[in-house]
């Protein structure tokens, strides 16, 4: 017998309160699965944040001197500020400001470098070296500390890369915190067309685990040493 005040609507275990709409058993199971996935997601976010902060705090003392030397080199070799701040698309398509060591002249257009037909003419004298060695990315540890970036995740799009943002939103990648490095980065970087890049981003969305992040970090180190995938 159903509990007092409850109408039995189907044989089995489905009951509803008087005046309420019944939720099918399969629907309740789906809601429970979603709730469990959300809880796992929140736990995963906390663990990932702890890992990001731990890694940055350990690495920061080792990076202080190299960053000071790079800042001095940028200042001495070209006119303009040491850092270049760009508007980037973050989690849930929110815009944030992200710093890099400036590797291009101050009159360079604000577009993705691969879209420039003559990008080399806008690079500073040390710009190619900074980009090949990924040293221009070091100031982004600030964005990691702030929470705008994770160590591993899809690389943040420029605010005007509408095609990339639209494709990522379509497959749910926009819900991830962007990263300093990512699965697409270690599989081609600048060489990848946007649809292929988003395929790798979506693959990361489906497979992301702590061990997968560690794998990406190891591959990133190897790519940086070999300077793979950087065309500008």
Protein backbone atom coordinates (compact mmCIF):
# COMPACT_ATOMS: atom_id res chain seq x y z
CA UNK A 1 0.00 0.00 0.00
CA UNK A 2 1.26 3.51 -0.75
CA UNK A 3 1.93 5.83 2.20
CA UNK A 4 -0.96 7.94 3.49
CA UNK A 5 -1.52 11.00 1.33
CA UNK A 6 0.19 9.37 -1.65
CA UNK A 7 -1.51 8.05 -4.77
CA UNK A 8 -0.19 4.90 -6.37
CA UNK A 9 0.00 5.53 -10.12
CA UNK A 10 1.80 2.49 -11.51
CA UNK A 11 2.53 -0.93 -10.18
CA UNK A 12 6.04 -1.05 -8.77
CA UNK A 13 7.72 1.72 -6.85
CA UNK A 14 6.30 4.87 -8.45
CA UNK A 15 4.21 7.04 -6.13
CA UNK A 16 3.28 10.68 -6.11
CA UNK A 17 1.87 13.12 -3.61
CA UNK A 18 -1.71 14.22 -4.20
CA UNK A 19 -1.81 17.06 -6.69
CA UNK A 20 1.79 16.53 -7.86
CA UNK A 21 2.95 15.32 -11.26
CA UNK A 22 4.59 11.91 -11.24
CA UNK A 23 8.20 11.58 -12.37
CA UNK A 24 8.78 8.36 -14.32
CA UNK A 25 11.21 5.94 -12.70
CA UNK A 26 13.62 6.23 -15.63
CA UNK A 27 13.48 10.02 -15.29
CA UNK A 28 14.34 9.83 -11.58
CA UNK A 29 17.29 7.58 -12.36
CA UNK A 30 18.52 10.09 -14.91
CA UNK A 31 18.19 12.96 -12.39
CA UNK A 32 20.12 10.94 -9.82
CA UNK A 33 22.88 10.26 -12.35
CA UNK A 34 23.11 13.95 -13.19
CA UNK A 35 23.27 14.88 -9.51
CA UNK A 36 26.06 12.35 -8.94
CA UNK A 37 27.94 13.67 -11.98
CA UNK A 38 27.60 17.23 -10.65
CA UNK A 39 28.96 16.17 -7.23
CA UNK A 40 31.90 14.39 -8.88
CA UNK A 41 32.47 17.47 -11.01
CA UNK A 42 32.59 19.75 -7.96
CA UNK A 43 35.02 17.42 -6.18
CA UNK A 44 37.12 17.22 -9.33
CA UNK A 45 37.18 21.03 -9.61
CA UNK A 46 38.41 21.37 -6.02
CA UNK A 47 41.12 18.75 -6.55
CA UNK A 48 42.21 20.34 -9.82
CA UNK A 49 42.38 23.78 -8.19
CA UNK A 50 44.50 22.38 -5.35
CA UNK A 51 46.85 20.79 -7.88
CA UNK A 52 47.12 24.04 -9.87
CA UNK A 53 47.96 26.14 -6.82
CA UNK A 54 50.42 23.58 -5.47
CA UNK A 55 52.28 23.34 -8.78
CA UNK A 56 52.44 27.10 -9.27
CA UNK A 57 53.58 27.80 -5.70
CA UNK A 58 56.35 25.20 -6.01
CA UNK A 59 57.47 26.42 -9.45
CA UNK A 60 57.26 30.18 -8.81
CA UNK A 61 60.53 30.54 -6.81
CA UNK A 62 62.37 28.75 -9.62
CA UNK A 63 60.85 31.02 -12.27
CA UNK A 64 61.48 34.40 -10.63
CA UNK A 65 65.01 34.90 -12.00
CA UNK A 66 64.27 33.68 -15.56
CA UNK A 67 61.20 35.91 -15.70
CA UNK A 68 63.17 38.94 -14.54
CA UNK A 69 65.82 38.30 -17.22
CA UNK A 70 63.15 37.88 -19.91
CA UNK A 71 61.43 41.09 -18.80
CA UNK A 72 64.74 42.95 -19.03
CA UNK A 73 65.43 41.50 -22.50
CA UNK A 74 61.97 42.52 -23.75
CA UNK A 75 62.43 46.05 -22.43
CA UNK A 76 65.90 46.48 -23.95
CA UNK A 77 65.11 45.09 -27.39
CA UNK A 78 61.85 46.86 -28.30
CA UNK A 79 59.72 49.85 -27.47
CA UNK A 80 56.63 49.30 -25.39
CA UNK A 81 55.54 47.53 -22.20
CA UNK A 82 57.09 44.27 -21.02
CA UNK A 83 53.72 42.54 -20.76
CA UNK A 84 51.00 42.27 -23.35
CA UNK A 85 47.49 41.88 -21.95
CA UNK A 86 44.82 40.38 -24.18
CA UNK A 87 41.10 39.79 -23.73
CA UNK A 88 40.51 36.03 -23.61
CA UNK A 89 37.45 33.82 -23.39
CA UNK A 90 37.33 31.95 -20.10
CA UNK A 91 35.00 29.48 -18.45
CA UNK A 92 31.39 29.79 -19.63
CA UNK A 93 32.58 32.32 -22.23
CA UNK A 94 33.38 35.02 -19.69
CA UNK A 95 36.08 37.46 -20.79
CA UNK A 96 39.23 37.86 -18.70
CA UNK A 97 42.56 39.64 -19.15
CA UNK A 98 45.58 37.40 -19.70
CA UNK A 99 49.24 38.50 -19.66
CA UNK A 100 52.14 37.34 -21.83
CA UNK A 101 55.64 38.62 -22.33
CA UNK A 102 55.34 40.89 -25.34
CA UNK A 103 56.80 39.20 -28.42
CA UNK A 104 55.31 41.51 -31.06
CA UNK A 105 55.53 45.20 -31.83
CA UNK A 106 52.94 47.48 -30.28
CA UNK A 107 51.38 48.20 -33.71
CA UNK A 108 50.58 44.51 -34.38
CA UNK A 109 46.87 43.79 -35.12
CA UNK A 110 44.93 42.12 -32.30
CA UNK A 111 44.19 38.85 -34.08
CA UNK A 112 45.46 35.28 -33.82
CA UNK A 113 49.01 35.24 -35.19
CA UNK A 114 48.28 32.50 -37.73
CA UNK A 115 45.76 34.84 -39.40
CA UNK A 116 48.49 37.35 -40.24
CA UNK A 117 49.95 36.81 -43.70
CA UNK A 118 53.18 38.56 -42.69
CA UNK A 119 53.34 37.85 -38.97
CA UNK A 120 57.13 37.76 -38.97
CA UNK A 121 57.30 41.48 -39.69
CA UNK A 122 55.48 42.23 -36.43
CA UNK A 123 57.69 40.09 -34.19
CA UNK A 124 60.33 41.72 -32.03
CA UNK A 125 63.94 40.64 -32.33
CA UNK A 126 63.56 38.13 -29.48
CA UNK A 127 59.91 37.33 -30.22
CA UNK A 128 60.57 34.16 -32.27
CA UNK A 129 62.78 32.73 -29.53
CA UNK A 130 60.24 33.51 -26.78
CA UNK A 131 57.47 31.85 -28.76
CA UNK A 132 59.44 28.79 -29.84
CA UNK A 133 60.49 28.15 -26.24
CA UNK A 134 57.00 29.12 -24.90
CA UNK A 135 58.70 31.56 -22.54
CA UNK A 136 56.20 34.27 -23.44
CA UNK A 137 53.57 32.24 -21.57
CA UNK A 138 55.27 32.37 -18.16
CA UNK A 139 53.36 35.42 -16.83
CA UNK A 140 50.18 33.37 -17.07
CA UNK A 141 50.99 31.85 -13.69
CA UNK A 142 49.28 35.04 -12.47
CA UNK A 143 46.09 33.94 -14.25
CA UNK A 144 46.38 30.49 -12.65
CA UNK A 145 46.72 31.98 -9.18
CA UNK A 146 43.72 34.19 -9.88
CA UNK A 147 41.65 31.23 -11.05
CA UNK A 148 41.11 32.37 -14.64
CA UNK A 149 43.37 29.59 -15.93
CA UNK A 150 44.15 26.03 -14.97
CA UNK A 151 47.49 24.37 -15.65
CA UNK A 152 45.80 21.97 -18.09
CA UNK A 153 42.74 22.75 -20.19
CA UNK A 154 41.77 24.09 -23.62
CA UNK A 155 43.85 27.11 -24.54
CA UNK A 156 41.77 30.30 -24.10
CA UNK A 157 40.48 31.80 -27.33
CA UNK A 158 40.92 35.45 -28.20
CA UNK A 159 37.77 37.49 -27.64
CA UNK A 160 37.33 37.85 -31.43
CA UNK A 161 37.82 34.18 -32.37
CA UNK A 162 34.09 33.72 -32.82
CA UNK A 163 34.37 30.53 -34.87
CA UNK A 164 36.45 28.78 -32.20
CA UNK A 165 34.19 29.99 -29.37
CA UNK A 166 31.04 28.86 -31.20
CA UNK A 167 32.36 25.36 -31.85
CA UNK A 168 33.54 24.94 -28.27
CA UNK A 169 30.18 26.12 -26.95
CA UNK A 170 28.35 23.70 -29.21
CA UNK A 171 30.14 20.69 -27.72
CA UNK A 172 30.26 21.93 -24.12
CA UNK A 173 33.99 22.69 -23.94
CA UNK A 174 33.19 26.27 -22.89
CA UNK A 175 32.24 24.91 -19.43
CA UNK A 176 35.90 24.03 -18.73
CA UNK A 177 38.47 26.37 -17.23
CA UNK A 178 40.98 27.12 -20.00
CA UNK A 179 44.55 26.03 -19.48
CA UNK A 180 48.18 26.98 -19.82
CA UNK A 181 48.56 23.85 -21.92
CA UNK A 182 46.10 21.34 -23.28
CA UNK A 183 45.41 18.20 -25.29
CA UNK A 184 45.23 20.15 -28.55
CA UNK A 185 48.51 21.89 -27.70
CA UNK A 186 50.43 18.64 -27.50
CA UNK A 187 48.82 17.33 -30.68
CA UNK A 188 49.72 20.09 -33.08
CA UNK A 189 49.37 23.51 -31.51
CA UNK A 190 49.56 26.18 -34.26
CA UNK A 191 49.44 23.51 -36.98
CA UNK A 192 45.85 22.49 -36.18
CA UNK A 193 42.83 23.92 -38.02
CA UNK A 194 40.10 25.10 -35.67
CA UNK A 195 37.66 22.16 -36.17
CA UNK A 196 40.44 19.67 -35.39
CA UNK A 197 41.51 21.69 -32.37
CA UNK A 198 37.96 21.59 -31.03
CA UNK A 199 37.85 17.82 -31.58
CA UNK A 200 40.87 17.48 -29.30
CA UNK A 201 39.27 19.87 -26.79
CA UNK A 202 36.11 17.76 -26.78
CA UNK A 203 38.17 14.59 -26.34
CA UNK A 204 39.79 16.19 -23.29
CA UNK A 205 36.33 17.07 -21.94
CA UNK A 206 35.32 13.41 -22.14
CA UNK A 207 38.55 11.88 -20.83
CA UNK A 208 39.79 14.42 -18.26
CA UNK A 209 41.30 12.85 -15.17
CA UNK A 210 44.24 13.65 -12.95
CA UNK A 211 46.37 11.04 -14.74
CA UNK A 212 45.37 12.42 -18.14
CA UNK A 213 46.45 15.90 -16.98
CA UNK A 214 49.81 14.49 -15.89
CA UNK A 215 50.22 12.87 -19.29
CA UNK A 216 49.52 16.20 -21.01
CA UNK A 217 52.06 17.96 -18.78
CA UNK A 218 54.75 15.40 -19.65
CA UNK A 219 53.98 15.70 -23.36
CA UNK A 220 54.04 19.50 -23.07
CA UNK A 221 57.53 19.38 -21.60
CA UNK A 222 58.72 17.20 -24.50
CA UNK A 223 57.06 19.46 -27.11
CA UNK A 224 58.62 22.58 -25.59
CA UNK A 225 62.07 20.99 -25.55
CA UNK A 226 61.68 19.97 -29.22
CA UNK A 227 59.78 23.20 -30.06
CA UNK A 228 57.11 21.27 -31.94
CA UNK A 229 53.99 22.80 -33.43
CA UNK A 230 55.00 26.49 -33.28
CA UNK A 231 54.81 28.12 -36.69
CA UNK A 232 54.98 31.82 -35.66
